């Protein structure tokens, strides 16, 4: 895939997999919550306060800068969320850089509001318990089950944009959250962040 390939799904069409849409998109408050929670996690890890890992703890960082919101990445993420799938989008890069992506899904027979934005992000953050702290200095992708976490704290990633769909399908209320990150993290041989 070339660096300049871009998302090509027409408009904001929703997949038939979505069935009945309950809530489409994110409110401004949810966007702020996503940004705030990502940055709290990045700050915690940078400060050396993350004790989990396999092995842990995670080392402190010279710097993991805060993320800022990006509407282009959010629009692409929303188009992918509208497909109601947990698979990763293979065509999400923008002219500026390659784009990383995290996807989260929850389904319940209860009201979908039992799952918050932070609950969804915690699915990614909880992967830190499996993350080998020795990979901070040189990412090897030895444990794919930790790639959502490493993307969240990747120091060279500067922006994030997300989309969401809450829908009803096959007897379940479902919540899909997609976040796109730029520039992409999880680059083999590169540091997740510079440890101190």
Foldseek 3Di string as FASTA:
>chain_A
DDLAFADDDPDLDAACQQPFFDDWWDDPVQVVVVQVVLQVVLVCLQVQNAAAEPHDDAFHFPDQDRAAEDVLQQVLQSSVQSHVDQDDDPGHHHPVAAKDKHKFKDKDLDPPVVAGSVNRLVCLCVLRNHHHNVCQAFPACPDVSNQSNLQSNQRVWHYKHKTWTFGDDPNITMIMIMMMIPPTDRDGGHHSGHGD
